[in-house]
Each structure stands twice: as C-alpha cells, then as structure tokens.
Amino acid sequence: MIHTNRVVWWSESNASIYGKVSGETVIVPPLKSVYSMVLRKERTSQFFEKKFHEQRSLPTRKSCGVLLTLLLALTGCLAAPIKPSISTMAAIRTILVVPVESPPLEVIPDLIETRFPVYRQYQYQAMPFYLYLEEKIYKNPGGVLIAGLVSKDDSVPVAELHQTSPSMEKSARLEYAASLSENWTPTFILAQEAVSQLNGDGFKAMLSKDYYRLPIATGDRNANLGNWHNAIGQWYNQSMSSVDYRQPGPEHVDAVLEVGIDSYRIFDAQASLQVLIKLIDPTTRQVIGRVSRKTYSVEDSPQTLLSHEAEKFKQLMTGMGAQLVTRGFSDLGLPLKVSGQHISVVDRLTP
C-alpha cells in the first residue's frame, strides 16, 4: 500500500497508476521487500544482457510498471540537506544564480518502439541489437536531448555535444551558456525562475551568463545515464565548491546559488523531475545551503508530450520546476517574490 497526500488508483488489469503522485510519497515498510526483489531481478537481468551481446527487451522493461519508478527513487544516494542559519541568511542581499549542466532526458519505454516499429520483430531474433541499434543522445525537434536507442536509418539527429580539451574535460568549471544555445536545457529555465522568485524589496538576484559544466570525460559523455548521475551526485554532495567564484565580475555578490537536476524522465504517462539547489559562500567556497526536491505528475504519453516541438513537455517541466524551486527556497529560508520580474544577466569570467 502506498500513502500519499493525493489519491492514487491502481489498476490490476494493466498494472498502472492513475492520478497524481506527489514528491511526498511515503512507502510502507512491507513493500520494501518487493522493491528489493525487483532490484535483484533487474541486476540479474543486466548481467545476462551483457553476457549475451547486451540484448534487451523493452517490453520487459515496460512490464516493471510504476515499481521501477519508485525503485529508482529509493536508490538515490544524495547527501543530507543543509539549512543556513538565520544570521547567515540575514547577511545575504545579492545572489548570483548559476545553472548546472543537465543530463539528457530518459524515456521509458524507449521511443524506438513507435519511431521504428520494425524493432519489435528483432526482439525475438538471435542477432544482437547493436547490429541495427545504438544507444545515443539524440535531439528531439524541440531541442530536447534524449538518451535512447537510434537505428542506423533513423529520422532523429544524433546530438553533437560540446567538447573540451582532454586536459580540461574532468575538471569542474564554468563555461558560457551560449555554447548550448541550440539545445533546450531545463536548468537554464529553472535558473531564470529562481531569479524571478528572488528579486525585489532590497534583495537582488542575477542570472549568470555561464553554466556549471559537469566533470565528465569526453568518452563518458554519452547515453549512459549512470555517468551523468554520478557526476551530478558528486557535485551535489560537495561541501566545498570546486569552482572559484571570486573571479572579478561587474559587482560583488554575497552568495552563489547553483541550480541542477538529477531525476528527469518520462515513464509511460508519468513525468518526474528532481531539482537540486546549492547555496555557496563565494569568499570561502563553503556550501552553506543544500536542498533536494522532487515531484511526479501523470500526464500524457511521451509521444504526445514530445510532439509539436515538445512545447507541452517544456511547459510541464517549467511548471513542475517552478514549484520545486519555491519549495527549495522555503527549505533554505530564502525570501520569495512574485515570479515574472525582470531578469538581469551577469557575465562572470570563466576560471
């Protein structure tokens, strides 16, 4: 049984949940054994998939139903939140808001099932899937980057990710956001929302022209979402910022607010988002605040959400993200203002 602050309906006929599931969902202890069993099955399945030419069955993945989504939520290893003291918050009047690089979107079941229907007949053949499919990061017509299967004659373009020199690829640093202008980056939208909520009444927030680039090696900057989540977890769990924000800028700021996301997926008709926020003292580089918030929403199918330039999906993520930013600010004790105010952009030198 699952307790939430909203009503949840379970259908035994198709093993799916209808209704809204909030980020405050609490799992009753007796069900933990069920999730442990699913986890063991998943790990065993992954082992044999790797042994037998890494063949996968997407319908099998789909049959896990909503349990997989709940399972993924249980397996996170993010550090404990940090709430700044009242005296610390009282000394903050100006904040620089920096978006963190976003991972690609995960869609389950993989969109190859609808985009490339002939795939279904390959599942029952002996030849390995990599002869006709590859895991890539590709770009949706709306600019959304998606990690998934791509056929050799596919209609979607493989994304050209921004690359750096080998000597710099594993170091965390700031880079100009303009380098990602061709892609839709959800953390950029969240950073803008953060600025809008903070500005006004003697409190000033500024949007940086730079973004925090995750320290992922070029060879690992691929469709393996584990590489992205590992880098995001390392960034969030740090007690000291790996970026020096003391570089000269147009004006002094009292604090730096980094906004990132971890969970970012569509599972059947359920969309989920997890927002991570860190507050940093630019002088000492100490992390003085840290909070994680997540939520789920049952909407339309992935095909509907991502059609027509993915406008419906973008609106959904923007709305969910705005709510999570508000909750995160409340947890940190930051003052909240009316959204939609003018956003000023500050140019910081890249370390």
Protein backbone atom coordinates (compact mmCIF):
# COMPACT_ATOMS: atom_id res chain seq x y z
CA MET A 1 0.00 0.00 0.00
CA ILE A 2 1.23 3.49 -0.81
CA HIS A 3 0.27 6.56 1.23
CA THR A 4 0.42 9.97 -0.43
CA ASN A 5 -1.15 13.33 0.13
CA ARG A 6 -3.18 12.72 -3.02
CA VAL A 7 -5.38 9.87 -4.13
CA VAL A 8 -3.76 7.09 -6.16
CA TRP A 9 -5.65 4.47 -8.17
CA TRP A 10 -4.12 1.08 -9.02
CA SER A 11 -5.45 -0.96 -11.92
CA GLU A 12 -4.68 -4.70 -11.72
CA SER A 13 -5.63 -5.21 -15.33
CA ASN A 14 -2.79 -3.16 -16.77
CA ALA A 15 -0.60 -2.57 -13.70
CA SER A 16 -0.50 1.19 -13.97
CA ILE A 17 -1.26 4.07 -11.67
CA TYR A 18 -3.75 6.79 -12.48
CA GLY A 19 -3.80 10.11 -10.70
CA LYS A 20 -1.24 12.41 -9.21
CA VAL A 21 1.69 11.16 -7.16
CA SER A 22 3.46 13.84 -5.18
CA GLY A 23 7.09 14.14 -4.11
CA GLU A 24 5.95 13.44 -0.54
CA THR A 25 5.00 9.82 -1.36
CA VAL A 26 5.86 7.51 1.54
CA ILE A 27 6.43 3.78 1.03
CA VAL A 28 5.13 1.47 3.73
CA PRO A 29 7.93 -0.83 5.05
CA PRO A 30 6.28 -4.16 4.00
CA LEU A 31 6.68 -3.14 0.37
CA LYS A 32 10.43 -2.69 0.67
CA SER A 33 10.96 -6.42 0.21
CA VAL A 34 9.09 -6.18 -3.09
CA TYR A 35 11.37 -3.41 -4.33
CA SER A 36 14.44 -5.38 -3.18
CA MET A 37 13.24 -8.38 -5.21
CA VAL A 38 12.72 -6.16 -8.27
CA LEU A 39 16.21 -4.71 -7.81
CA ARG A 40 17.79 -8.19 -7.65
CA LYS A 41 15.89 -9.22 -10.78
CA GLU A 42 17.00 -6.06 -12.58
CA ARG A 43 20.66 -6.60 -11.67
CA THR A 44 20.50 -10.26 -12.72
CA SER A 45 18.85 -9.24 -15.97
CA GLN A 46 21.56 -6.67 -16.65
CA PHE A 47 24.26 -9.30 -16.05
CA PHE A 48 22.84 -11.73 -18.61
CA GLU A 49 22.10 -8.91 -21.07
CA LYS A 50 25.78 -8.01 -21.04
CA LYS A 51 26.83 -11.62 -21.46
CA PHE A 52 24.53 -12.28 -24.40
CA HIS A 53 25.54 -9.38 -26.65
CA GLU A 54 23.71 -6.86 -24.42
CA GLN A 55 20.35 -7.75 -25.96
CA ARG A 56 17.41 -6.01 -24.34
CA SER A 57 13.66 -6.42 -24.35
CA LEU A 58 11.93 -3.09 -24.00
CA PRO A 59 8.52 -4.63 -23.32
CA THR A 60 10.11 -6.46 -20.37
CA ARG A 61 11.37 -3.16 -19.07
CA LYS A 62 7.93 -1.69 -19.56
CA SER A 63 6.27 -4.54 -17.66
CA CYS A 64 8.03 -3.47 -14.48
CA GLY A 65 5.41 -0.71 -14.41
CA VAL A 66 5.45 2.01 -11.87
CA LEU A 67 7.53 -0.11 -9.45
CA LEU A 68 10.65 0.77 -11.43
CA THR A 69 9.98 4.47 -11.00
CA LEU A 70 9.57 4.05 -7.24
CA LEU A 71 12.63 1.81 -7.16
CA LEU A 72 14.79 4.43 -8.83
CA ALA A 73 13.61 6.97 -6.29
CA LEU A 74 14.73 4.65 -3.48
CA THR A 75 18.23 4.06 -4.82
CA GLY A 76 19.46 7.66 -4.70
CA CYS A 77 22.50 8.49 -2.52
CA LEU A 78 22.37 12.27 -2.22
CA ALA A 79 23.89 13.98 0.80
CA ALA A 80 21.77 15.30 3.64
CA PRO A 81 20.26 18.78 3.21
CA ILE A 82 21.90 21.82 4.79
CA LYS A 83 19.84 24.74 6.09
CA PRO A 84 21.70 28.02 6.58
CA SER A 85 21.45 29.78 9.93
CA ILE A 86 19.22 32.83 10.28
CA SER A 87 22.25 35.07 10.77
CA THR A 88 23.84 33.74 7.58
CA MET A 89 20.71 34.43 5.55
CA ALA A 90 20.36 37.91 7.06
CA ALA A 91 23.77 38.86 5.62
CA ILE A 92 22.80 37.92 2.06
CA ARG A 93 21.49 40.69 -0.17
CA THR A 94 22.82 39.79 -3.62
CA ILE A 95 22.89 36.33 -5.25
CA LEU A 96 24.39 35.09 -8.49
CA VAL A 97 22.30 32.23 -9.92
CA VAL A 98 24.27 29.64 -11.93
CA PRO A 99 22.58 26.78 -13.84
CA VAL A 100 24.26 23.36 -13.71
CA GLU A 101 24.60 21.23 -16.84
CA SER A 102 21.55 19.00 -17.35
CA PRO A 103 21.60 15.27 -18.12
CA PRO A 104 19.73 14.04 -21.20
CA LEU A 105 16.09 13.07 -20.79
CA GLU A 106 15.24 9.42 -20.15
CA VAL A 107 12.09 7.99 -21.75
CA ILE A 108 10.65 4.57 -20.77
CA PRO A 109 9.66 2.65 -22.83
CA ASP A 110 12.17 3.76 -25.42
CA LEU A 111 10.69 5.84 -28.23
CA ILE A 112 12.28 3.47 -30.75
CA GLU A 113 9.16 1.32 -30.35
CA THR A 114 6.98 3.94 -32.02
CA ARG A 115 9.60 5.66 -34.16
CA PHE A 116 10.97 2.39 -35.56
CA PRO A 117 8.15 -0.22 -35.30
CA VAL A 118 10.14 -2.94 -37.10
CA TYR A 119 12.23 -3.12 -33.92
CA ARG A 120 9.59 -5.37 -32.33
CA GLN A 121 10.30 -8.27 -34.65
CA TYR A 122 14.05 -8.04 -33.94
CA GLN A 123 13.48 -8.74 -30.24
CA TYR A 124 12.78 -12.40 -30.96
CA GLN A 125 15.74 -12.96 -33.25
CA ALA A 126 19.12 -14.27 -32.19
CA MET A 127 21.25 -11.45 -33.61
CA PRO A 128 22.47 -8.83 -31.10
CA PHE A 129 20.68 -5.50 -31.05
CA TYR A 130 23.87 -3.46 -31.63
CA LEU A 131 23.93 -4.64 -35.25
CA TYR A 132 20.98 -2.39 -36.03
CA LEU A 133 20.54 -0.13 -32.97
CA GLU A 134 22.88 2.06 -30.93
CA GLU A 135 22.47 3.94 -27.66
CA LYS A 136 22.95 7.61 -28.44
CA ILE A 137 21.98 11.07 -27.24
CA TYR A 138 19.73 12.48 -29.95
CA LYS A 139 17.84 15.71 -30.38
CA ASN A 140 14.07 15.99 -30.42
CA PRO A 141 12.66 18.52 -32.94
CA GLY A 142 12.09 20.85 -29.97
CA GLY A 143 15.76 20.74 -28.99
CA VAL A 144 15.28 18.33 -26.07
CA LEU A 145 18.25 15.97 -25.71
CA ILE A 146 17.15 12.34 -25.16
CA ALA A 147 19.23 9.28 -24.26
CA GLY A 148 17.90 6.26 -26.11
CA LEU A 149 18.15 3.80 -28.97
CA VAL A 150 18.77 5.05 -32.50
CA SER A 151 18.65 2.95 -35.65
CA LYS A 152 21.16 3.41 -38.45
CA ASP A 153 18.41 4.78 -40.72
CA ASP A 154 16.68 6.84 -38.04
CA SER A 155 14.97 10.17 -38.59
CA VAL A 156 16.30 11.82 -35.40
CA PRO A 157 19.70 13.56 -35.47
CA VAL A 158 22.41 12.45 -33.07
CA ALA A 159 23.37 15.36 -30.82
CA GLU A 160 26.76 16.97 -31.15
CA LEU A 161 27.74 17.58 -27.55
CA HIS A 162 30.03 20.46 -26.66
CA GLN A 163 33.56 19.07 -26.30
CA THR A 164 36.61 20.38 -24.46
CA SER A 165 40.32 19.62 -24.44
CA PRO A 166 41.43 16.36 -22.74
CA SER A 167 43.33 18.35 -20.09
CA MET A 168 40.12 20.13 -19.01
CA GLU A 169 37.43 17.50 -19.52
CA LYS A 170 37.50 16.11 -15.97
CA SER A 171 37.65 19.44 -14.15
CA ALA A 172 34.52 21.26 -12.98
CA ARG A 173 34.38 24.80 -14.32
CA LEU A 174 32.15 27.49 -15.75
CA GLU A 175 31.51 27.80 -19.49
CA TYR A 176 29.43 30.25 -21.48
CA ALA A 177 25.79 29.23 -21.68
CA ALA A 178 25.73 30.42 -25.29
CA SER A 179 27.64 27.27 -26.25
CA LEU A 180 24.46 25.26 -25.52
CA SER A 181 22.04 27.62 -27.23
CA GLU A 182 20.94 25.03 -29.81
CA ASN A 183 19.63 22.69 -27.11
CA TRP A 184 16.76 23.08 -24.66
CA THR A 185 18.37 22.96 -21.22
CA PRO A 186 15.90 22.67 -18.32
CA THR A 187 18.28 24.05 -15.68
CA PHE A 188 18.56 27.30 -17.65
CA ILE A 189 14.79 27.70 -17.30
CA LEU A 190 14.97 26.85 -13.59
CA ALA A 191 17.75 29.41 -13.06
CA GLN A 192 15.62 32.09 -14.70
CA GLU A 193 12.71 31.11 -12.46
CA ALA A 194 14.97 31.30 -9.40
CA VAL A 195 15.99 34.85 -10.31
CA SER A 196 12.37 35.89 -10.80
CA GLN A 197 11.32 34.49 -7.42
CA LEU A 198 14.19 36.12 -5.54
CA ASN A 199 14.27 39.62 -6.98
CA GLY A 200 12.72 42.67 -5.31
CA ASP A 201 12.37 44.50 -1.96
CA GLY A 202 16.06 45.19 -1.49
CA PHE A 203 17.06 41.66 -2.44
CA LYS A 204 18.82 41.30 -5.80
CA ALA A 205 19.37 38.11 -7.82
CA MET A 206 21.33 37.98 -11.07
CA LEU A 207 21.49 35.31 -13.75
CA SER A 208 24.99 34.25 -14.78
CA LYS A 209 25.94 34.01 -18.43
CA ASP A 210 27.95 30.93 -17.52
CA TYR A 211 26.83 27.45 -16.56
CA TYR A 212 28.49 24.84 -14.37
CA ARG A 213 29.84 22.13 -16.67
CA LEU A 214 29.87 18.68 -15.09
CA PRO A 215 33.31 16.99 -14.96
CA ILE A 216 32.60 14.06 -17.28
CA ALA A 217 35.27 12.65 -19.57
CA THR A 218 34.56 13.05 -23.28
CA GLY A 219 34.33 9.29 -23.76
CA ASP A 220 31.77 9.04 -20.94
CA ARG A 221 29.63 11.96 -22.12
CA ASN A 222 27.24 9.57 -23.83
CA ALA A 223 23.83 7.90 -23.47
CA ASN A 224 24.89 6.04 -20.32
CA LEU A 225 22.85 7.98 -17.76
CA GLY A 226 24.85 6.47 -14.92
CA ASN A 227 27.81 8.65 -15.93
CA TRP A 228 25.66 11.76 -15.71
CA HIS A 229 24.03 10.90 -12.40
CA ASN A 230 27.40 10.04 -10.84
CA ALA A 231 28.76 13.46 -11.84
CA ILE A 232 25.63 15.22 -10.59
CA GLY A 233 25.80 13.35 -7.28
CA GLN A 234 29.46 14.31 -6.83
CA TRP A 235 28.63 17.96 -7.49
CA TYR A 236 25.69 18.00 -5.09
CA ASN A 237 27.49 16.15 -2.27
CA GLN A 238 30.48 18.50 -2.19
CA SER A 239 30.89 20.59 0.96
CA MET A 240 33.26 22.97 -0.83
CA SER A 241 32.65 24.42 -4.29
CA SER A 242 35.03 23.18 -6.97
CA VAL A 243 34.59 26.48 -8.83
CA ASP A 244 36.26 29.68 -7.66
CA TYR A 245 33.59 32.36 -7.72
CA ARG A 246 36.00 35.07 -6.53
CA GLN A 247 36.86 35.89 -10.13
CA PRO A 248 36.26 39.58 -10.91
CA GLY A 249 32.81 40.47 -12.17
CA PRO A 250 30.66 43.57 -12.64
CA GLU A 251 29.75 43.61 -8.96
CA HIS A 252 30.19 41.75 -5.69
CA VAL A 253 27.69 39.07 -4.69
CA ASP A 254 27.02 37.76 -1.19
CA ALA A 255 26.17 34.22 -2.29
CA VAL A 256 26.08 31.95 -5.34
CA LEU A 257 23.05 29.75 -6.00
CA GLU A 258 23.67 26.70 -8.21
CA VAL A 259 20.57 25.02 -9.67
CA GLY A 260 20.74 21.50 -11.11
CA ILE A 261 18.54 18.48 -11.74
CA ASP A 262 19.00 14.77 -11.15
CA SER A 263 15.94 12.65 -11.99
CA TYR A 264 14.49 13.81 -15.29
CA ARG A 265 12.35 11.24 -17.10
CA ILE A 266 9.07 10.22 -18.68
CA PHE A 267 7.86 6.76 -17.62
CA ASP A 268 4.78 5.87 -19.70
CA ALA A 269 2.42 8.74 -18.82
CA GLN A 270 4.29 9.76 -15.67
CA ALA A 271 6.77 12.64 -15.80
CA SER A 272 9.21 13.14 -12.93
CA LEU A 273 11.65 15.86 -12.02
CA GLN A 274 14.14 16.28 -9.17
CA VAL A 275 15.66 19.71 -8.57
CA LEU A 276 18.89 20.21 -6.62
CA ILE A 277 19.86 23.60 -5.15
CA LYS A 278 23.12 24.65 -3.51
CA LEU A 279 23.94 27.96 -1.80
CA ILE A 280 27.65 28.86 -1.71
CA ASP A 281 29.74 31.48 0.06
CA PRO A 282 31.83 32.91 -2.82
CA THR A 283 34.61 34.05 -0.45
CA THR A 284 35.24 30.77 1.39
CA ARG A 285 33.74 28.45 -1.30
CA GLN A 286 31.87 26.75 1.55
CA VAL A 287 28.46 25.21 0.77
CA ILE A 288 26.16 26.96 3.27
CA GLY A 289 22.88 25.56 1.97
CA ARG A 290 21.75 22.46 0.11
CA VAL A 291 18.33 21.02 -0.67
CA SER A 292 16.75 18.45 -2.98
CA ARG A 293 13.10 18.43 -4.05
CA LYS A 294 11.26 16.09 -6.44
CA THR A 295 7.79 15.59 -7.80
CA TYR A 296 5.79 13.40 -10.20
CA SER A 297 2.88 14.16 -12.48
CA VAL A 298 0.71 11.83 -14.53
CA GLU A 299 0.07 13.49 -17.87
CA ASP A 300 0.03 12.28 -21.48
CA SER A 301 2.12 9.71 -23.32
CA PRO A 302 5.74 10.53 -24.21
CA GLN A 303 4.74 10.81 -27.86
CA THR A 304 2.12 13.47 -27.05
CA LEU A 305 4.36 15.40 -24.67
CA LEU A 306 7.28 15.50 -27.10
CA SER A 307 5.32 16.27 -30.28
CA HIS A 308 4.98 19.75 -31.82
CA GLU A 309 8.45 20.93 -30.79
CA ALA A 310 7.92 19.39 -27.32
CA GLU A 311 6.05 22.52 -26.21
CA LYS A 312 3.71 20.61 -23.89
CA PHE A 313 6.65 18.84 -22.26
CA LYS A 314 8.56 22.09 -21.80
CA GLN A 315 5.55 23.76 -20.20
CA LEU A 316 5.10 20.79 -17.87
CA MET A 317 8.75 20.80 -16.78
CA THR A 318 8.71 24.57 -16.34
CA GLY A 319 5.63 24.41 -14.12
CA MET A 320 6.90 21.49 -12.06
CA GLY A 321 10.32 23.11 -11.77
CA ALA A 322 8.89 26.44 -10.57
CA GLN A 323 7.06 24.66 -7.75
CA LEU A 324 10.18 22.75 -6.72
CA VAL A 325 12.29 25.93 -6.73
CA THR A 326 9.72 27.60 -4.47
CA ARG A 327 9.78 24.66 -2.05
CA GLY A 328 13.56 24.55 -2.10
CA PHE A 329 13.83 28.25 -1.32
CA SER A 330 11.40 27.81 1.56
CA ASP A 331 13.59 25.00 2.94
CA LEU A 332 16.65 27.25 2.72
CA GLY A 333 14.90 30.23 4.29
CA LEU A 334 15.29 32.40 1.19
CA PRO A 335 12.76 35.20 0.62
CA LEU A 336 10.29 34.54 -2.19
CA LYS A 337 8.99 37.16 -4.58
CA VAL A 338 6.42 37.21 -7.35
CA SER A 339 7.58 35.32 -10.45
CA GLY A 340 7.94 37.10 -13.76
CA GLN A 341 10.07 40.10 -12.79
CA HIS A 342 12.90 41.39 -14.95
CA ILE A 343 15.94 39.11 -15.06
CA SER A 344 19.36 40.73 -15.19
CA VAL A 345 22.26 38.76 -16.63
CA VAL A 346 25.75 38.93 -15.16
CA ASP A 347 28.87 37.94 -17.06
CA ARG A 348 31.46 36.11 -14.94
CA LEU A 349 34.96 35.26 -16.10
CA THR A 350 35.49 31.54 -16.65
CA PRO A 351 38.13 30.17 -14.26
